All heavy atoms as atom14 arrays in JSON, in Angstrom:
{
  "sequence": "QVQLVESGGGLVQAGGSLKLSCAASGRAFSSYAM",
  "atom14_mask": [
    [1, 1, 1, 1, 1, 1, 1, 1, 1, 0, 0, 0, 0, 0],
    [1, 1, 1, 1, 1, 1, 1, 0, 0, 0, 0, 0, 0, 0],
    [1, 1, 1, 1, 1, 1, 1, 1, 1, 0, 0, 0, 0, 0],
    [1, 1, 1, 1, 1, 1, 1, 1, 0, 0, 0, 0, 0, 0],
    [1, 1, 1, 1, 1, 1, 1, 0, 0, 0, 0, 0, 0, 0],
    [1, 1, 1, 1, 1, 1, 1, 1, 1, 0, 0, 0, 0, 0],
    [1, 1, 1, 1, 1, 1, 0, 0, 0, 0, 0, 0, 0, 0],
    [1, 1, 1, 1, 0, 0, 0, 0, 0, 0, 0, 0, 0, 0],
    [1, 1, 1, 1, 0, 0, 0, 0, 0, 0, 0, 0, 0, 0],
    [1, 1, 1, 1, 0, 0, 0, 0, 0, 0, 0, 0, 0, 0],
    [1, 1, 1, 1, 1, 1, 1, 1, 0, 0, 0, 0, 0, 0],
    [1, 1, 1, 1, 1, 1, 1, 0, 0, 0, 0, 0, 0, 0],
    [1, 1, 1, 1, 1, 1, 1, 1, 1, 0, 0, 0, 0, 0],
    [1, 1, 1, 1, 1, 0, 0, 0, 0, 0, 0, 0, 0, 0],
    [1, 1, 1, 1, 0, 0, 0, 0, 0, 0, 0, 0, 0, 0],
    [1, 1, 1, 1, 0, 0, 0, 0, 0, 0, 0, 0, 0, 0],
    [1, 1, 1, 1, 1, 1, 0, 0, 0, 0, 0, 0, 0, 0],
    [1, 1, 1, 1, 1, 1, 1, 1, 0, 0, 0, 0, 0, 0],
    [1, 1, 1, 1, 1, 1, 1, 1, 1, 0, 0, 0, 0, 0],
    [1, 1, 1, 1, 1, 1, 1, 1, 0, 0, 0, 0, 0, 0],
    [1, 1, 1, 1, 1, 1, 0, 0, 0, 0, 0, 0, 0, 0],
    [1, 1, 1, 1, 1, 1, 0, 0, 0, 0, 0, 0, 0, 0],
    [1, 1, 1, 1, 1, 0, 0, 0, 0, 0, 0, 0, 0, 0],
    [1, 1, 1, 1, 1, 0, 0, 0, 0, 0, 0, 0, 0, 0],
    [1, 1, 1, 1, 1, 1, 0, 0, 0, 0, 0, 0, 0, 0],
    [1, 1, 1, 1, 0, 0, 0, 0, 0, 0, 0, 0, 0, 0],
    [1, 1, 1, 1, 1, 1, 1, 1, 1, 1, 1, 0, 0, 0],
    [1, 1, 1, 1, 1, 0, 0, 0, 0, 0, 0, 0, 0, 0],
    [1, 1, 1, 1, 1, 1, 1, 1, 1, 1, 1, 0, 0, 0],
    [1, 1, 1, 1, 1, 1, 0, 0, 0, 0, 0, 0, 0, 0],
    [1, 1, 1, 1, 1, 1, 0, 0, 0, 0, 0, 0, 0, 0],
    [1, 1, 1, 1, 1, 1, 1, 1, 1, 1, 1, 1, 0, 0],
    [1, 1, 1, 1, 1, 0, 0, 0, 0, 0, 0, 0, 0, 0],
    [1, 1, 1, 1, 1, 1, 1, 1, 0, 0, 0, 0, 0, 0]
  ],
  "atom14_positions": [
    [[14.81, -9.95, 0.78], [13.39, -10.23, 0.9], [12.68, -8.99, 1.46], [13.18, -8.38, 2.41], [13.15, -11.42, 1.83], [11.72, -11.9, 1.87], [11.31, -12.65, 0.63], [12.16, -12.99, -0.21], [10.04, -12.92, 0.48], [0.0, 0.0, 0.0], [0.0, 0.0, 0.0], [0.0, 0.0, 0.0], [0.0, 0.0, 0.0], [0.0, 0.0, 0.0]],
    [[11.56, -8.65, 0.88], [10.8, -7.49, 1.34], [9.46, -7.95, 1.89], [8.87, -8.91, 1.38], [10.6, -6.48, 0.19], [9.8, -7.07, -0.94], [9.97, -5.2, 0.7], [0.0, 0.0, 0.0], [0.0, 0.0, 0.0], [0.0, 0.0, 0.0], [0.0, 0.0, 0.0], [0.0, 0.0, 0.0], [0.0, 0.0, 0.0], [0.0, 0.0, 0.0]],
    [[9.03, -7.32, 2.94], [7.71, -7.59, 3.5], [6.81, -6.37, 3.23], [7.24, -5.23, 3.41], [7.78, -7.85, 5.01], [8.47, -9.14, 5.39], [9.98, -9.06, 5.3], [10.58, -8.1, 5.75], [10.59, -10.07, 4.7], [0.0, 0.0, 0.0], [0.0, 0.0, 0.0], [0.0, 0.0, 0.0], [0.0, 0.0, 0.0], [0.0, 0.0, 0.0]],
    [[5.59, -6.64, 2.79], [4.67, -5.58, 2.4], [3.36, -5.73, 3.17], [2.82, -6.84, 3.26], [4.39, -5.65, 0.91], [5.62, -5.56, 0.0], [5.24, -5.86, -1.45], [6.26, -4.19, 0.1], [0.0, 0.0, 0.0], [0.0, 0.0, 0.0], [0.0, 0.0, 0.0], [0.0, 0.0, 0.0], [0.0, 0.0, 0.0], [0.0, 0.0, 0.0]],
    [[2.86, -4.63, 3.69], [1.6, -4.64, 4.44], [0.7, -3.53, 3.9], [1.02, -2.35, 4.01], [1.84, -4.42, 5.95], [0.51, -4.4, 6.69], [2.75, -5.52, 6.5], [0.0, 0.0, 0.0], [0.0, 0.0, 0.0], [0.0, 0.0, 0.0], [0.0, 0.0, 0.0], [0.0, 0.0, 0.0], [0.0, 0.0, 0.0], [0.0, 0.0, 0.0]],
    [[-0.43, -3.94, 3.32], [-1.39, -2.99, 2.77], [-2.41, -2.58, 3.83], [-2.73, -3.35, 4.74], [-2.15, -3.59, 1.58], [-1.29, -4.06, 0.44], [-0.99, -5.54, 0.48], [-1.01, -6.11, 1.6], [-0.71, -6.13, -0.57], [0.0, 0.0, 0.0], [0.0, 0.0, 0.0], [0.0, 0.0, 0.0], [0.0, 0.0, 0.0], [0.0, 0.0, 0.0]],
    [[-2.95, -1.38, 3.66], [-4.02, -0.9, 4.52], [-4.83, 0.15, 3.76], [-4.39, 0.63, 2.71], [-3.47, -0.3, 5.81], [-2.64, 0.81, 5.53], [0.0, 0.0, 0.0], [0.0, 0.0, 0.0], [0.0, 0.0, 0.0], [0.0, 0.0, 0.0], [0.0, 0.0, 0.0], [0.0, 0.0, 0.0], [0.0, 0.0, 0.0], [0.0, 0.0, 0.0]],
    [[-6.0, 0.48, 4.3], [-6.8, 1.55, 3.73], [-8.02, 1.13, 2.94], [-8.79, 1.97, 2.48], [0.0, 0.0, 0.0], [0.0, 0.0, 0.0], [0.0, 0.0, 0.0], [0.0, 0.0, 0.0], [0.0, 0.0, 0.0], [0.0, 0.0, 0.0], [0.0, 0.0, 0.0], [0.0, 0.0, 0.0], [0.0, 0.0, 0.0], [0.0, 0.0, 0.0]],
    [[-8.2, -0.18, 2.76], [-9.37, -0.63, 2.04], [-10.64, -0.44, 2.85], [-10.6, -0.05, 4.02], [0.0, 0.0, 0.0], [0.0, 0.0, 0.0], [0.0, 0.0, 0.0], [0.0, 0.0, 0.0], [0.0, 0.0, 0.0], [0.0, 0.0, 0.0], [0.0, 0.0, 0.0], [0.0, 0.0, 0.0], [0.0, 0.0, 0.0], [0.0, 0.0, 0.0]],
    [[-11.77, -0.7, 2.21], [-13.04, -0.56, 2.91], [-14.2, -0.53, 1.95], [-14.06, -0.86, 0.77], [0.0, 0.0, 0.0], [0.0, 0.0, 0.0], [0.0, 0.0, 0.0], [0.0, 0.0, 0.0], [0.0, 0.0, 0.0], [0.0, 0.0, 0.0], [0.0, 0.0, 0.0], [0.0, 0.0, 0.0], [0.0, 0.0, 0.0], [0.0, 0.0, 0.0]],
    [[-15.35, -0.15, 2.49], [-16.59, -0.05, 1.72], [-16.87, 1.42, 1.43], [-16.86, 2.25, 2.35], [-17.73, -0.67, 2.51], [-19.14, -0.52, 1.93], [-19.25, -1.24, 0.6], [-20.17, -1.04, 2.93], [0.0, 0.0, 0.0], [0.0, 0.0, 0.0], [0.0, 0.0, 0.0], [0.0, 0.0, 0.0], [0.0, 0.0, 0.0], [0.0, 0.0, 0.0]],
    [[-17.13, 1.72, 0.17], [-17.39, 3.1, -0.22], [-18.47, 3.11, -1.31], [-18.6, 2.14, -2.06], [-16.1, 3.78, -0.72], [-15.57, 3.1, -1.97], [-16.28, 5.26, -0.92], [0.0, 0.0, 0.0], [0.0, 0.0, 0.0], [0.0, 0.0, 0.0], [0.0, 0.0, 0.0], [0.0, 0.0, 0.0], [0.0, 0.0, 0.0], [0.0, 0.0, 0.0]],
    [[-19.23, 4.18, -1.36], [-20.24, 4.31, -2.4], [-19.6, 4.72, -3.72], [-18.53, 5.35, -3.75], [-21.28, 5.34, -2.0], [-22.2, 4.88, -0.89], [-23.34, 5.85, -0.65], [-23.22, 7.04, -0.9], [-24.46, 5.33, -0.16], [0.0, 0.0, 0.0], [0.0, 0.0, 0.0], [0.0, 0.0, 0.0], [0.0, 0.0, 0.0], [0.0, 0.0, 0.0]],
    [[-20.26, 4.38, -4.8], [-19.78, 4.79, -6.11], [-19.6, 6.31, -6.15], [-20.44, 7.05, -5.63], [-20.76, 4.35, -7.18], [0.0, 0.0, 0.0], [0.0, 0.0, 0.0], [0.0, 0.0, 0.0], [0.0, 0.0, 0.0], [0.0, 0.0, 0.0], [0.0, 0.0, 0.0], [0.0, 0.0, 0.0], [0.0, 0.0, 0.0], [0.0, 0.0, 0.0]],
    [[-18.49, 6.72, -6.74], [-18.16, 8.14, -6.78], [-17.28, 8.59, -5.65], [-16.74, 9.71, -5.68], [0.0, 0.0, 0.0], [0.0, 0.0, 0.0], [0.0, 0.0, 0.0], [0.0, 0.0, 0.0], [0.0, 0.0, 0.0], [0.0, 0.0, 0.0], [0.0, 0.0, 0.0], [0.0, 0.0, 0.0], [0.0, 0.0, 0.0], [0.0, 0.0, 0.0]],
    [[-17.11, 7.75, -4.66], [-16.3, 8.08, -3.51], [-14.82, 7.84, -3.74], [-14.38, 7.49, -4.84], [0.0, 0.0, 0.0], [0.0, 0.0, 0.0], [0.0, 0.0, 0.0], [0.0, 0.0, 0.0], [0.0, 0.0, 0.0], [0.0, 0.0, 0.0], [0.0, 0.0, 0.0], [0.0, 0.0, 0.0], [0.0, 0.0, 0.0], [0.0, 0.0, 0.0]],
    [[-14.05, 8.04, -2.66], [-12.6, 7.92, -2.73], [-12.06, 7.07, -1.59], [-12.67, 6.99, -0.52], [-11.96, 9.32, -2.65], [-12.34, 10.14, -3.72], [0.0, 0.0, 0.0], [0.0, 0.0, 0.0], [0.0, 0.0, 0.0], [0.0, 0.0, 0.0], [0.0, 0.0, 0.0], [0.0, 0.0, 0.0], [0.0, 0.0, 0.0], [0.0, 0.0, 0.0]],
    [[-10.93, 6.46, -1.85], [-10.16, 5.74, -0.84], [-8.69, 5.95, -1.14], [-8.3, 6.12, -2.31], [-10.46, 4.24, -0.86], [-11.75, 3.73, -0.21], [-11.9, 2.23, -0.48], [-11.79, 4.01, 1.26], [0.0, 0.0, 0.0], [0.0, 0.0, 0.0], [0.0, 0.0, 0.0], [0.0, 0.0, 0.0], [0.0, 0.0, 0.0], [0.0, 0.0, 0.0]],
    [[-7.87, 5.88, -0.1], [-6.43, 5.93, -0.28], [-5.81, 4.71, 0.38], [-5.93, 4.5, 1.58], [-5.83, 7.2, 0.32], [-4.34, 7.36, 0.01], [-3.82, 8.71, 0.5], [-2.36, 8.92, 0.11], [-1.86, 10.25, 0.52], [0.0, 0.0, 0.0], [0.0, 0.0, 0.0], [0.0, 0.0, 0.0], [0.0, 0.0, 0.0], [0.0, 0.0, 0.0]],
    [[-5.16, 3.89, -0.44], [-4.48, 2.71, 0.04], [-3.03, 3.03, 0.35], [-2.41, 3.85, -0.33], [-4.55, 1.59, -1.0], [-5.93, 1.18, -1.51], [-5.8, 0.01, -2.48], [-6.87, 0.87, -0.38], [0.0, 0.0, 0.0], [0.0, 0.0, 0.0], [0.0, 0.0, 0.0], [0.0, 0.0, 0.0], [0.0, 0.0, 0.0], [0.0, 0.0, 0.0]],
    [[-2.51, 2.36, 1.36], [-1.1, 2.49, 1.71], [-0.45, 1.12, 1.76], [-1.11, 0.13, 2.07], [-0.95, 3.15, 3.09], [-1.5, 4.44, 3.11], [0.0, 0.0, 0.0], [0.0, 0.0, 0.0], [0.0, 0.0, 0.0], [0.0, 0.0, 0.0], [0.0, 0.0, 0.0], [0.0, 0.0, 0.0], [0.0, 0.0, 0.0], [0.0, 0.0, 0.0]],
    [[0.83, 1.08, 1.44], [1.59, -0.16, 1.51], [2.93, 0.16, 2.17], [3.75, 0.89, 1.59], [1.8, -0.73, 0.12], [2.93, -2.15, 0.06], [0.0, 0.0, 0.0], [0.0, 0.0, 0.0], [0.0, 0.0, 0.0], [0.0, 0.0, 0.0], [0.0, 0.0, 0.0], [0.0, 0.0, 0.0], [0.0, 0.0, 0.0], [0.0, 0.0, 0.0]],
    [[3.12, -0.38, 3.36], [4.37, -0.17, 4.09], [5.31, -1.33, 3.82], [4.93, -2.49, 3.92], [4.07, -0.07, 5.58], [0.0, 0.0, 0.0], [0.0, 0.0, 0.0], [0.0, 0.0, 0.0], [0.0, 0.0, 0.0], [0.0, 0.0, 0.0], [0.0, 0.0, 0.0], [0.0, 0.0, 0.0], [0.0, 0.0, 0.0], [0.0, 0.0, 0.0]],
    [[6.55, -0.99, 3.47], [7.55, -1.99, 3.13], [8.66, -2.04, 4.18], [9.02, -1.02, 4.77], [8.16, -1.67, 1.76], [0.0, 0.0, 0.0], [0.0, 0.0, 0.0], [0.0, 0.0, 0.0], [0.0, 0.0, 0.0], [0.0, 0.0, 0.0], [0.0, 0.0, 0.0], [0.0, 0.0, 0.0], [0.0, 0.0, 0.0], [0.0, 0.0, 0.0]],
    [[9.19, -3.23, 4.34], [10.33, -3.4, 5.24], [11.19, -4.54, 4.73], [10.72, -5.38, 3.96], [9.86, -3.68, 6.67], [9.12, -4.89, 6.73], [0.0, 0.0, 0.0], [0.0, 0.0, 0.0], [0.0, 0.0, 0.0], [0.0, 0.0, 0.0], [0.0, 0.0, 0.0], [0.0, 0.0, 0.0], [0.0, 0.0, 0.0], [0.0, 0.0, 0.0]],
    [[12.42, -4.56, 5.14], [13.27, -5.71, 4.87], [14.34, -5.52, 3.8], [15.25, -6.33, 3.71], [0.0, 0.0, 0.0], [0.0, 0.0, 0.0], [0.0, 0.0, 0.0], [0.0, 0.0, 0.0], [0.0, 0.0, 0.0], [0.0, 0.0, 0.0], [0.0, 0.0, 0.0], [0.0, 0.0, 0.0], [0.0, 0.0, 0.0], [0.0, 0.0, 0.0]],
    [[14.22, -4.53, 2.95], [15.28, -4.28, 1.98], [15.18, -2.83, 1.54], [14.29, -2.1, 1.96], [15.19, -5.22, 0.77], [14.0, -4.96, -0.14], [14.05, -5.84, -1.39], [12.96, -5.5, -2.27], [12.66, -6.15, -3.38], [13.38, -7.18, -3.74], [11.65, -5.79, -4.15], [0.0, 0.0, 0.0], [0.0, 0.0, 0.0], [0.0, 0.0, 0.0]],
    [[16.08, -2.42, 0.64], [16.16, -1.02, 0.22], [14.96, -0.65, -0.64], [14.99, -0.73, -1.86], [17.46, -0.8, -0.55], [0.0, 0.0, 0.0], [0.0, 0.0, 0.0], [0.0, 0.0, 0.0], [0.0, 0.0, 0.0], [0.0, 0.0, 0.0], [0.0, 0.0, 0.0], [0.0, 0.0, 0.0], [0.0, 0.0, 0.0], [0.0, 0.0, 0.0]],
    [[13.92, -0.19, 0.02], [12.65, 0.15, -0.66], [12.87, 1.1, -1.81], [12.3, 0.93, -2.89], [11.71, 0.75, 0.38], [10.45, 1.33, -0.2], [9.38, 0.51, -0.5], [10.32, 2.69, -0.41], [8.21, 1.03, -1.02], [9.15, 3.23, -0.93], [8.09, 2.4, -1.23], [0.0, 0.0, 0.0], [0.0, 0.0, 0.0], [0.0, 0.0, 0.0]],
    [[13.7, 2.11, -1.59], [13.84, 3.18, -2.59], [14.51, 2.73, -3.88], [14.53, 3.47, -4.84], [14.62, 4.34, -1.98], [15.92, 3.92, -1.6], [0.0, 0.0, 0.0], [0.0, 0.0, 0.0], [0.0, 0.0, 0.0], [0.0, 0.0, 0.0], [0.0, 0.0, 0.0], [0.0, 0.0, 0.0], [0.0, 0.0, 0.0], [0.0, 0.0, 0.0]],
    [[15.05, 1.52, -3.91], [15.75, 1.04, -5.11], [14.86, 0.27, -6.07], [15.3, -0.13, -7.16], [16.92, 0.13, -4.7], [17.83, 0.8, -3.87], [0.0, 0.0, 0.0], [0.0, 0.0, 0.0], [0.0, 0.0, 0.0], [0.0, 0.0, 0.0], [0.0, 0.0, 0.0], [0.0, 0.0, 0.0], [0.0, 0.0, 0.0], [0.0, 0.0, 0.0]],
    [[13.61, 0.02, -5.68], [12.75, -0.88, -6.45], [11.46, -0.2, -6.89], [10.84, 0.55, -6.13], [12.39, -2.1, -5.61], [13.58, -2.96, -5.26], [14.34, -2.69, -4.12], [13.97, -4.02, -6.08], [15.44, -3.46, -3.81], [15.07, -4.8, -5.75], [15.8, -4.51, -4.63], [16.89, -5.28, -4.32], [0.0, 0.0, 0.0], [0.0, 0.0, 0.0]],
    [[11.05, -0.5, -8.13], [9.72, -0.1, -8.57], [8.67, -0.83, -7.74], [8.91, -1.94, -7.25], [9.54, -0.43, -10.05], [0.0, 0.0, 0.0], [0.0, 0.0, 0.0], [0.0, 0.0, 0.0], [0.0, 0.0, 0.0], [0.0, 0.0, 0.0], [0.0, 0.0, 0.0], [0.0, 0.0, 0.0], [0.0, 0.0, 0.0], [0.0, 0.0, 0.0]],
    [[7.52, -0.19, -7.59], [6.43, -0.76, -6.81], [5.16, -0.73, -7.63], [4.99, 0.11, -8.52], [6.23, 0.04, -5.52], [7.42, 0.05, -4.58], [7.76, -1.56, -3.88], [6.28, -1.83, -2.9], [0.0, 0.0, 0.0], [0.0, 0.0, 0.0], [0.0, 0.0, 0.0], [0.0, 0.0, 0.0], [0.0, 0.0, 0.0], [0.0, 0.0, 0.0]]
  ]
}
């Protein structure tokens, strides 16, 4: 079982940028497509 926690969302004006992150725990993250 894997646990996933997203972060980085927010309010931005059109044309702007955001970077989302997702931290995983609980199993071999590197073995799975995301």
